[in-house]
Amino acid sequence: MEDILLEMDRILRPEGSIIIRDDVDFVVEIRSMMDAMEYDTWIANHEKGPHDREKILLAVKRNKASCLFIVPSSLKIDKLSPKPKEHREYDLA
């Protein structure tokens, strides 16, 4: 799995995004790898709600010159996200 993530990182441009939809255990494992690769990551619930094991991971490659990322207001962020790397404010209304 690490090889696939490294290849995606090589291909992806700064501020490019990756969306992964899978079981929560796999998503959390991938998230820790993406955090180590200095991506901004968020985990969102599946359409079926927070009790479904399937989750959605959104990862955005950081641009070293700019670290401002806009999260769509339609994205419902759960309690697992975001990891506290720095202070951020979200308008999820």
PDB file of N, CA and C in Angstrom:
ATOM      1  N   MET A   1       0.824  -1.195   0.000  1.00  0.00           N
ATOM      2  CA  MET A   1       0.000   0.000   0.000  1.00  0.00           C
ATOM      3  C   MET A   1       0.868   1.259   0.000  1.00  0.00           C
ATOM      4  N   GLU A   2       1.994   1.197   0.715  1.00  0.00           N
ATOM      5  CA  GLU A   2       2.864   2.369   0.774  1.00  0.00           C
ATOM      6  C   GLU A   2       3.367   2.751  -0.617  1.00  0.00           C
ATOM      7  N   ASP A   3       3.658   1.726  -1.451  1.00  0.00           N
ATOM      8  CA  ASP A   3       4.150   2.003  -2.802  1.00  0.00           C
ATOM      9  C   ASP A   3       3.109   2.750  -3.635  1.00  0.00           C
ATOM     10  N   ILE A   4       1.855   2.358  -3.476  1.00  0.00           N
ATOM     11  CA  ILE A   4       0.784   3.025  -4.222  1.00  0.00           C
ATOM     12  C   ILE A   4       0.642   4.478  -3.779  1.00  0.00           C
ATOM     13  N   LEU A   5       0.690   4.714  -2.459  1.00  0.00           N
ATOM     14  CA  LEU A   5       0.574   6.088  -1.952  1.00  0.00           C
ATOM     15  C   LEU A   5       1.750   6.948  -2.405  1.00  0.00           C
ATOM     16  N   LEU A   6       2.952   6.379  -2.396  1.00  0.00           N
ATOM     17  CA  LEU A   6       4.116   7.141  -2.849  1.00  0.00           C
ATOM     18  C   LEU A   6       4.010   7.488  -4.334  1.00  0.00           C
ATOM     19  N   GLU A   7       3.500   6.565  -5.138  1.00  0.00           N
ATOM     20  CA  GLU A   7       3.322   6.849  -6.568  1.00  0.00           C
ATOM     21  C   GLU A   7       2.247   7.919  -6.779  1.00  0.00           C
ATOM     22  N   MET A   8       1.153   7.848  -6.004  1.00  0.00           N
ATOM     23  CA  MET A   8       0.116   8.881  -6.095  1.00  0.00           C
ATOM     24  C   MET A   8       0.690  10.233  -5.703  1.00  0.00           C
ATOM     25  N   ASP A   9       1.531  10.260  -4.682  1.00  0.00           N
ATOM     26  CA  ASP A   9       2.153  11.504  -4.234  1.00  0.00           C
ATOM     27  C   ASP A   9       3.064  12.073  -5.320  1.00  0.00           C
ATOM     28  N   ARG A  10       3.782  11.201  -5.997  1.00  0.00           N
ATOM     29  CA  ARG A  10       4.687  11.645  -7.060  1.00  0.00           C
ATOM     30  C   ARG A  10       3.913  12.274  -8.219  1.00  0.00           C
ATOM     31  N   ILE A  11       2.768  11.693  -8.554  1.00  0.00           N
ATOM     32  CA  ILE A  11       1.970  12.164  -9.690  1.00  0.00           C
ATOM     33  C   ILE A  11       1.163  13.418  -9.345  1.00  0.00           C
ATOM     34  N   LEU A  12       0.674  13.488  -8.117  1.00  0.00           N
ATOM     35  CA  LEU A  12      -0.245  14.556  -7.716  1.00  0.00           C
ATOM     36  C   LEU A  12       0.457  15.904  -7.605  1.00  0.00           C
ATOM     37  N   ARG A  13      -0.173  16.927  -8.133  1.00  0.00           N
ATOM     38  CA  ARG A  13       0.355  18.287  -8.034  1.00  0.00           C
ATOM     39  C   ARG A  13       0.047  18.869  -6.648  1.00  0.00           C
ATOM     40  N   PRO A  14       0.793  19.904  -6.224  1.00  0.00           N
ATOM     41  CA  PRO A  14       0.456  20.565  -4.960  1.00  0.00           C
ATOM     42  C   PRO A  14      -0.989  21.050  -4.974  1.00  0.00           C
ATOM     43  N   GLU A  15      -1.649  20.899  -3.863  1.00  0.00           N
ATOM     44  CA  GLU A  15      -3.054  21.229  -3.654  1.00  0.00           C
ATOM     45  C   GLU A  15      -3.991  20.287  -4.406  1.00  0.00           C
ATOM     46  N   GLY A  16      -3.456  19.199  -4.941  1.00  0.00           N
ATOM     47  CA  GLY A  16      -4.291  18.164  -5.540  1.00  0.00           C
ATOM     48  C   GLY A  16      -4.922  17.336  -4.436  1.00  0.00           C
ATOM     49  N   SER A  17      -5.996  16.638  -4.754  1.00  0.00           N
ATOM     50  CA  SER A  17      -6.694  15.891  -3.709  1.00  0.00           C
ATOM     51  C   SER A  17      -6.881  14.431  -4.090  1.00  0.00           C
ATOM     52  N   ILE A  18      -7.039  13.621  -3.054  1.00  0.00           N
ATOM     53  CA  ILE A  18      -7.277  12.190  -3.180  1.00  0.00           C
ATOM     54  C   ILE A  18      -8.513  11.878  -2.353  1.00  0.00           C
ATOM     55  N   ILE A  19      -9.418  11.091  -2.911  1.00  0.00           N
ATOM     56  CA  ILE A  19     -10.602  10.651  -2.175  1.00  0.00           C
ATOM     57  C   ILE A  19     -10.567   9.134  -2.120  1.00  0.00           C
ATOM     58  N   ILE A  20     -10.633   8.590  -0.907  1.00  0.00           N
ATOM     59  CA  ILE A  20     -10.634   7.142  -0.700  1.00  0.00           C
ATOM     60  C   ILE A  20     -11.873   6.786   0.095  1.00  0.00           C
ATOM     61  N   ARG A  21     -12.587   5.778  -0.382  1.00  0.00           N
ATOM     62  CA  ARG A  21     -13.814   5.334   0.288  1.00  0.00           C
ATOM     63  C   ARG A  21     -13.651   3.854   0.604  1.00  0.00           C
ATOM     64  N   ASP A  22     -13.646   3.518   1.901  1.00  0.00           N
ATOM     65  CA  ASP A  22     -13.427   2.127   2.292  1.00  0.00           C
ATOM     66  C   ASP A  22     -13.842   1.942   3.751  1.00  0.00           C
ATOM     67  N   ASP A  23     -13.539   0.758   4.285  1.00  0.00           N
ATOM     68  CA  ASP A  23     -13.833   0.445   5.680  1.00  0.00           C
ATOM     69  C   ASP A  23     -13.063   1.392   6.605  1.00  0.00           C
ATOM     70  N   VAL A  24     -13.639   1.705   7.746  1.00  0.00           N
ATOM     71  CA  VAL A  24     -13.058   2.686   8.669  1.00  0.00           C
ATOM     72  C   VAL A  24     -11.646   2.297   9.107  1.00  0.00           C
ATOM     73  N   ASP A  25     -11.378   1.007   9.329  1.00  0.00           N
ATOM     74  CA  ASP A  25     -10.037   0.591   9.753  1.00  0.00           C
ATOM     75  C   ASP A  25      -8.996   0.900   8.679  1.00  0.00           C
ATOM     76  N   PHE A  26      -9.329   0.616   7.429  1.00  0.00           N
ATOM     77  CA  PHE A  26      -8.426   0.895   6.318  1.00  0.00           C
ATOM     78  C   PHE A  26      -8.243   2.400   6.140  1.00  0.00           C
ATOM     79  N   VAL A  27      -9.323   3.147   6.247  1.00  0.00           N
ATOM     80  CA  VAL A  27      -9.269   4.603   6.077  1.00  0.00           C
ATOM     81  C   VAL A  27      -8.387   5.239   7.153  1.00  0.00           C
ATOM     82  N   VAL A  28      -8.501   4.785   8.388  1.00  0.00           N
ATOM     83  CA  VAL A  28      -7.681   5.333   9.477  1.00  0.00           C
ATOM     84  C   VAL A  28      -6.204   4.999   9.249  1.00  0.00           C
ATOM     85  N   GLU A  29      -5.922   3.789   8.770  1.00  0.00           N
ATOM     86  CA  GLU A  29      -4.540   3.402   8.475  1.00  0.00           C
ATOM     87  C   GLU A  29      -3.958   4.262   7.351  1.00  0.00           C
ATOM     88  N   ILE A  30      -4.728   4.461   6.291  1.00  0.00           N
ATOM     89  CA  ILE A  30      -4.280   5.297   5.172  1.00  0.00           C
ATOM     90  C   ILE A  30      -4.104   6.742   5.627  1.00  0.00           C
ATOM     91  N   ARG A  31      -4.996   7.201   6.501  1.00  0.00           N
ATOM     92  CA  ARG A  31      -4.900   8.581   6.992  1.00  0.00           C
ATOM     93  C   ARG A  31      -3.587   8.810   7.733  1.00  0.00           C
ATOM     94  N   SER A  32      -3.172   7.858   8.550  1.00  0.00           N
ATOM     95  CA  SER A  32      -1.916   8.034   9.281  1.00  0.00           C
ATOM     96  C   SER A  32      -0.733   8.113   8.317  1.00  0.00           C
ATOM     97  N   MET A  33      -0.777   7.334   7.234  1.00  0.00           N
ATOM     98  CA  MET A  33       0.288   7.409   6.229  1.00  0.00           C
ATOM     99  C   MET A  33       0.260   8.752   5.504  1.00  0.00           C
ATOM    100  N   MET A  34      -0.940   9.226   5.165  1.00  0.00           N
ATOM    101  CA  MET A  34      -1.062  10.505   4.465  1.00  0.00           C
ATOM    102  C   MET A  34      -0.619  11.665   5.363  1.00  0.00           C
ATOM    103  N   ASP A  35      -0.911  11.572   6.656  1.00  0.00           N
ATOM    104  CA  ASP A  35      -0.449  12.604   7.589  1.00  0.00           C
ATOM    105  C   ASP A  35       1.076  12.619   7.654  1.00  0.00           C
ATOM    106  N   ALA A  36       1.693  11.430   7.633  1.00  0.00           N
ATOM    107  CA  ALA A  36       3.154  11.347   7.647  1.00  0.00           C
ATOM    108  C   ALA A  36       3.752  11.942   6.374  1.00  0.00           C
ATOM    109  N   MET A  37       2.986  11.894   5.281  1.00  0.00           N
ATOM    110  CA  MET A  37       3.432  12.474   4.014  1.00  0.00           C
ATOM    111  C   MET A  37       3.066  13.959   3.926  1.00  0.00           C
ATOM    112  N   GLU A  38       2.590  14.523   5.024  1.00  0.00           N
ATOM    113  CA  GLU A  38       2.248  15.943   5.158  1.00  0.00           C
ATOM    114  C   GLU A  38       1.086  16.371   4.266  1.00  0.00           C
ATOM    115  N   TYR A  39       0.053  15.539   4.217  1.00  0.00           N
ATOM    116  CA  TYR A  39      -1.203  15.897   3.570  1.00  0.00           C
ATOM    117  C   TYR A  39      -2.149  16.416   4.645  1.00  0.00           C
ATOM    118  N   ASP A  40      -3.073  17.282   4.269  1.00  0.00           N
ATOM    119  CA  ASP A  40      -4.178  17.638   5.153  1.00  0.00           C
ATOM    120  C   ASP A  40      -5.260  16.602   4.904  1.00  0.00           C
ATOM    121  N   THR A  41      -5.784  16.015   5.978  1.00  0.00           N
ATOM    122  CA  THR A  41      -6.740  14.918   5.825  1.00  0.00           C
ATOM    123  C   THR A  41      -8.005  15.163   6.627  1.00  0.00           C
ATOM    124  N   TRP A  42      -9.118  14.663   6.094  1.00  0.00           N
ATOM    125  CA  TRP A  42     -10.413  14.712   6.759  1.00  0.00           C
ATOM    126  C   TRP A  42     -11.104  13.376   6.542  1.00  0.00           C
ATOM    127  N   ILE A  43     -11.868  12.936   7.530  1.00  0.00           N
ATOM    128  CA  ILE A  43     -12.685  11.735   7.386  1.00  0.00           C
ATOM    129  C   ILE A  43     -14.140  12.162   7.486  1.00  0.00           C
ATOM    130  N   ALA A  44     -14.925  11.713   6.518  1.00  0.00           N
ATOM    131  CA  ALA A  44     -16.355  12.031   6.486  1.00  0.00           C
ATOM    132  C   ALA A  44     -17.152  10.736   6.539  1.00  0.00           C
ATOM    133  N   ASN A  45     -18.377  10.840   7.033  1.00  0.00           N
ATOM    134  CA  ASN A  45     -19.259   9.678   7.101  1.00  0.00           C
ATOM    135  C   ASN A  45     -19.789   9.313   5.729  1.00  0.00           C
ATOM    136  N   HIS A  46     -20.165   8.073   5.606  1.00  0.00           N
ATOM    137  CA  HIS A  46     -20.830   7.545   4.412  1.00  0.00           C
ATOM    138  C   HIS A  46     -22.240   8.129   4.356  1.00  0.00           C
ATOM    139  N   GLU A  47     -22.887   8.064   3.186  1.00  0.00           N
ATOM    140  CA  GLU A  47     -24.254   8.585   3.059  1.00  0.00           C
ATOM    141  C   GLU A  47     -25.227   7.892   4.004  1.00  0.00           C
ATOM    142  N   LYS A  48     -24.915   6.647   4.369  1.00  0.00           N
ATOM    143  CA  LYS A  48     -25.809   5.880   5.240  1.00  0.00           C
ATOM    144  C   LYS A  48     -25.746   6.342   6.693  1.00  0.00           C
ATOM    145  N   GLY A  49     -24.820   7.216   7.019  1.00  0.00           N
ATOM    146  CA  GLY A  49     -24.755   7.776   8.361  1.00  0.00           C
ATOM    147  C   GLY A  49     -23.503   7.375   9.119  1.00  0.00           C
ATOM    148  N   PRO A  50     -23.371   7.878  10.346  1.00  0.00           N
ATOM    149  CA  PRO A  50     -22.152   7.660  11.121  1.00  0.00           C
ATOM    150  C   PRO A  50     -21.981   6.234  11.632  1.00  0.00           C
ATOM    151  N   HIS A  51     -23.034   5.438  11.630  1.00  0.00           N
ATOM    152  CA  HIS A  51     -22.935   4.079  12.164  1.00  0.00           C
ATOM    153  C   HIS A  51     -22.481   3.072  11.117  1.00  0.00           C
ATOM    154  N   ASP A  52     -22.393   3.480   9.866  1.00  0.00           N
ATOM    155  CA  ASP A  52     -21.907   2.602   8.805  1.00  0.00           C
ATOM    156  C   ASP A  52     -20.385   2.551   8.875  1.00  0.00           C
ATOM    157  N   ARG A  53     -19.795   1.373   8.680  1.00  0.00           N
ATOM    158  CA  ARG A  53     -18.339   1.220   8.783  1.00  0.00           C
ATOM    159  C   ARG A  53     -17.594   1.852   7.609  1.00  0.00           C
ATOM    160  N   GLU A  54     -18.272   2.078   6.514  1.00  0.00           N
ATOM    161  CA  GLU A  54     -17.621   2.681   5.361  1.00  0.00           C
ATOM    162  C   GLU A  54     -17.483   4.190   5.583  1.00  0.00           C
ATOM    163  N   LYS A  55     -16.272   4.702   5.407  1.00  0.00           N
ATOM    164  CA  LYS A  55     -15.984   6.130   5.584  1.00  0.00           C
ATOM    165  C   LYS A  55     -15.321   6.670   4.323  1.00  0.00           C
ATOM    166  N   ILE A  56     -15.246   7.986   4.243  1.00  0.00           N
ATOM    167  CA  ILE A  56     -14.629   8.659   3.104  1.00  0.00           C
ATOM    168  C   ILE A  56     -13.461   9.494   3.625  1.00  0.00           C
ATOM    169  N   LEU A  57     -12.298   9.287   3.036  1.00  0.00           N
ATOM    170  CA  LEU A  57     -11.098  10.039   3.392  1.00  0.00           C
ATOM    171  C   LEU A  57     -10.812  11.036   2.281  1.00  0.00           C
ATOM    172  N   LEU A  58     -10.671  12.292   2.653  1.00  0.00           N
ATOM    173  CA  LEU A  58     -10.262  13.342   1.725  1.00  0.00           C
ATOM    174  C   LEU A  58      -8.868  13.781   2.148  1.00  0.00           C
ATOM    175  N   ALA A  59      -7.916  13.699   1.235  1.00  0.00           N
ATOM    176  CA  ALA A  59      -6.542  14.111   1.514  1.00  0.00           C
ATOM    177  C   ALA A  59      -6.131  15.146   0.474  1.00  0.00           C
ATOM    178  N   VAL A  60      -5.556  16.253   0.939  1.00  0.00           N
ATOM    179  CA  VAL A  60      -5.121  17.334   0.047  1.00  0.00           C
ATOM    180  C   VAL A  60      -3.625  17.526   0.232  1.00  0.00           C
ATOM    181  N   LYS A  61      -2.902  17.457  -0.878  1.00  0.00           N
ATOM    182  CA  LYS A  61      -1.454  17.633  -0.837  1.00  0.00           C
ATOM    183  C   LYS A  61      -1.141  19.089  -0.533  1.00  0.00           C
ATOM    184  N   ARG A  62      -0.310  19.305   0.455  1.00  0.00           N
ATOM    185  CA  ARG A  62       0.039  20.675   0.843  1.00  0.00           C
ATOM    186  C   ARG A  62       0.953  21.321  -0.180  1.00  0.00           C
ATOM    187  N   ASN A  63       0.703  22.580  -0.404  1.00  0.00           N
ATOM    188  CA  ASN A  63       1.608  23.405  -1.186  1.00  0.00           C
ATOM    189  C   ASN A  63       2.512  24.071  -0.171  1.00  0.00           C
ATOM    190  N   LYS A  64       3.791  23.889  -0.301  1.00  0.00           N
ATOM    191  CA  LYS A  64       4.722  24.417   0.702  1.00  0.00           C
ATOM    192  C   LYS A  64       4.645  25.938   0.817  1.00  0.00           C
ATOM    193  N   ALA A  65       4.254  26.619  -0.262  1.00  0.00           N
ATOM    194  CA  ALA A  65       4.164  28.076  -0.229  1.00  0.00           C
ATOM    195  C   ALA A  65       2.863  28.555   0.391  1.00  0.00           C
ATOM    196  N   SER A  66       1.812  27.739   0.304  1.00  0.00           N
ATOM    197  CA  SER A  66       0.504  28.149   0.796  1.00  0.00           C
ATOM    198  C   SER A  66      -0.184  26.976   1.458  1.00  0.00           C
ATOM    199  N   CYS A  67      -0.714  27.177   2.650  1.00  0.00           N
ATOM    200  CA  CYS A  67      -1.398  26.107   3.369  1.00  0.00           C
ATOM    201  C   CYS A  67      -2.853  26.466   3.630  1.00  0.00           C
ATOM    202  N   LEU A  68      -3.498  27.159   2.708  1.00  0.00           N
ATOM    203  CA  LEU A  68      -4.909  27.499   2.846  1.00  0.00           C
ATOM    204  C   LEU A  68      -5.723  26.552   1.984  1.00  0.00           C
ATOM    205  N   PHE A  69      -6.608  25.771   2.637  1.00  0.00           N
ATOM    206  CA  PHE A  69      -7.448  24.828   1.918  1.00  0.00           C
ATOM    207  C   PHE A  69      -8.891  25.115   2.276  1.00  0.00           C
ATOM    208  N   ILE A  70      -9.758  25.042   1.297  1.00  0.00           N
ATOM    209  CA  ILE A  70     -11.178  25.294   1.509  1.00  0.00           C
ATOM    210  C   ILE A  70     -11.901  23.965   1.493  1.00  0.00           C
ATOM    211  N   VAL A  71     -12.642  23.692   2.559  1.00  0.00           N
ATOM    212  CA  VAL A  71     -13.436  22.474   2.648  1.00  0.00           C
ATOM    213  C   VAL A  71     -14.856  22.830   2.248  1.00  0.00           C
ATOM    214  N   PRO A  72     -15.447  22.085   1.301  1.00  0.00           N
ATOM    215  CA  PRO A  72     -16.816  22.389   0.884  1.00  0.00           C
ATOM    216  C   PRO A  72     -17.783  22.343   2.057  1.00  0.00           C
ATOM    217  N   SER A  73     -18.728  23.276   2.090  1.00  0.00           N
ATOM    218  CA  SER A  73     -19.674  23.325   3.204  1.00  0.00           C
ATOM    219  C   SER A  73     -20.596  22.120   3.209  1.00  0.00           C
ATOM    220  N   SER A  74     -20.721  21.420   2.083  1.00  0.00           N
ATOM    221  CA  SER A  74     -21.588  20.240   2.031  1.00  0.00           C
ATOM    222  C   SER A  74     -20.932  19.012   2.652  1.00  0.00           C
ATOM    223  N   LEU A  75     -19.614  19.056   2.903  1.00  0.00           N
ATOM    224  CA  LEU A  75     -18.913  17.920   3.484  1.00  0.00           C
ATOM    225  C   LEU A  75     -19.185  17.863   4.980  1.00  0.00           C
ATOM    226  N   LYS A  76     -19.752  16.770   5.433  1.00  0.00           N
ATOM    227  CA  LYS A  76     -20.048  16.592   6.853  1.00  0.00           C
ATOM    228  C   LYS A  76     -18.854  15.944   7.533  1.00  0.00           C
ATOM    229  N   ILE A  77     -18.161  16.701   8.356  1.00  0.00           N
ATOM    230  CA  ILE A  77     -16.970  16.215   9.039  1.00  0.00           C
ATOM    231  C   ILE A  77     -17.390  15.555  10.347  1.00  0.00           C
ATOM    232  N   ASP A  78     -16.857  14.351  10.612  1.00  0.00           N
ATOM    233  CA  ASP A  78     -17.218  13.659  11.848  1.00  0.00           C
ATOM    234  C   ASP A  78     -16.234  13.990  12.968  1.00  0.00           C
ATOM    235  N   LYS A  79     -16.414  13.334  14.111  1.00  0.00           N
ATOM    236  CA  LYS A  79     -15.613  13.639  15.293  1.00  0.00           C
ATOM    237  C   LYS A  79     -14.148  13.250  15.125  1.00  0.00           C
ATOM    238  N   LEU A  80     -13.826  12.377  14.165  1.00  0.00           N
ATOM    239  CA  LEU A  80     -12.452  11.949  13.963  1.00  0.00           C
ATOM    240  C   LEU A  80     -11.606  12.999  13.251  1.00  0.00           C
ATOM    241  N   SER A  81     -12.233  14.027  12.675  1.00  0.00           N
ATOM    242  CA  SER A  81     -11.510  14.949  11.803  1.00  0.00           C
ATOM    243  C   SER A  81     -11.669  16.386  12.246  1.00  0.00           C
ATOM    244  N   PRO A  82     -10.793  17.265  11.901  1.00  0.00           N
ATOM    245  CA  PRO A  82      -9.453  16.986  11.438  1.00  0.00           C
ATOM    246  C   PRO A  82      -8.536  16.731  12.609  1.00  0.00           C
ATOM    247  N   LYS A  83      -7.385  16.145  12.360  1.00  0.00           N
ATOM    248  CA  LYS A  83      -6.409  15.953  13.425  1.00  0.00           C
ATOM    249  C   LYS A  83      -5.839  17.328  13.773  1.00  0.00           C
ATOM    250  N   PRO A  84      -5.609  17.599  15.052  1.00  0.00           N
ATOM    251  CA  PRO A  84      -5.136  18.940  15.426  1.00  0.00           C
ATOM    252  C   PRO A  84      -3.667  19.153  15.069  1.00  0.00           C
ATOM    253  N   LYS A  85      -3.407  19.629  13.847  1.00  0.00           N
ATOM    254  CA  LYS A  85      -2.054  19.976  13.434  1.00  0.00           C
ATOM    255  C   LYS A  85      -1.812  21.457  13.685  1.00  0.00           C
ATOM    256  N   GLU A  86      -2.830  22.227  13.436  1.00  0.00           N
ATOM    257  CA  GLU A  86      -2.759  23.671  13.613  1.00  0.00           C
ATOM    258  C   GLU A  86      -4.190  24.166  13.755  1.00  0.00           C
ATOM    259  N   HIS A  87      -4.362  25.374  14.195  1.00  0.00           N
ATOM    260  CA  HIS A  87      -5.707  25.913  14.399  1.00  0.00           C
ATOM    261  C   HIS A  87      -6.368  26.177  13.057  1.00  0.00           C
ATOM    262  N   ARG A  88      -7.578  25.629  12.898  1.00  0.00           N
ATOM    263  CA  ARG A  88      -8.344  25.857  11.677  1.00  0.00           C
ATOM    264  C   ARG A  88      -9.787  26.109  12.043  1.00  0.00           C
ATOM    265  N   GLU A  89     -10.453  26.875  11.221  1.00  0.00           N
ATOM    266  CA  GLU A  89     -11.876  27.117  11.419  1.00  0.00           C
ATOM    267  C   GLU A  89     -12.625  26.654  10.191  1.00  0.00           C
ATOM    268  N   TYR A  90     -13.762  25.977  10.410  1.00  0.00           N
ATOM    269  CA  TYR A  90     -14.589  25.475   9.324  1.00  0.00           C
ATOM    270  C   TYR A  90     -15.992  26.032   9.462  1.00  0.00           C
ATOM    271  N   ASP A  91     -16.558  26.417   8.353  1.00  0.00           N
ATOM    272  CA  ASP A  91     -17.951  26.826   8.329  1.00  0.00           C
ATOM    273  C   ASP A  91     -18.736  25.692   7.690  1.00  0.00           C
ATOM    274  N   LEU A  92     -19.313  24.819   8.517  1.00  0.00           N
ATOM    275  CA  LEU A  92     -20.021  23.651   8.018  1.00  0.00           C
ATOM    276  C   LEU A  92     -21.523  23.839   8.043  1.00  0.00           C
ATOM    277  N   ALA A  93     -21.972  25.084   8.162  1.00  0.00           N
ATOM    278  CA  ALA A  93     -23.413  25.336   8.220  1.00  0.00           C
ATOM    279  C   ALA A  93     -24.086  25.063   6.908  1.00  0.00           C
TER     280      ALA A  93
END
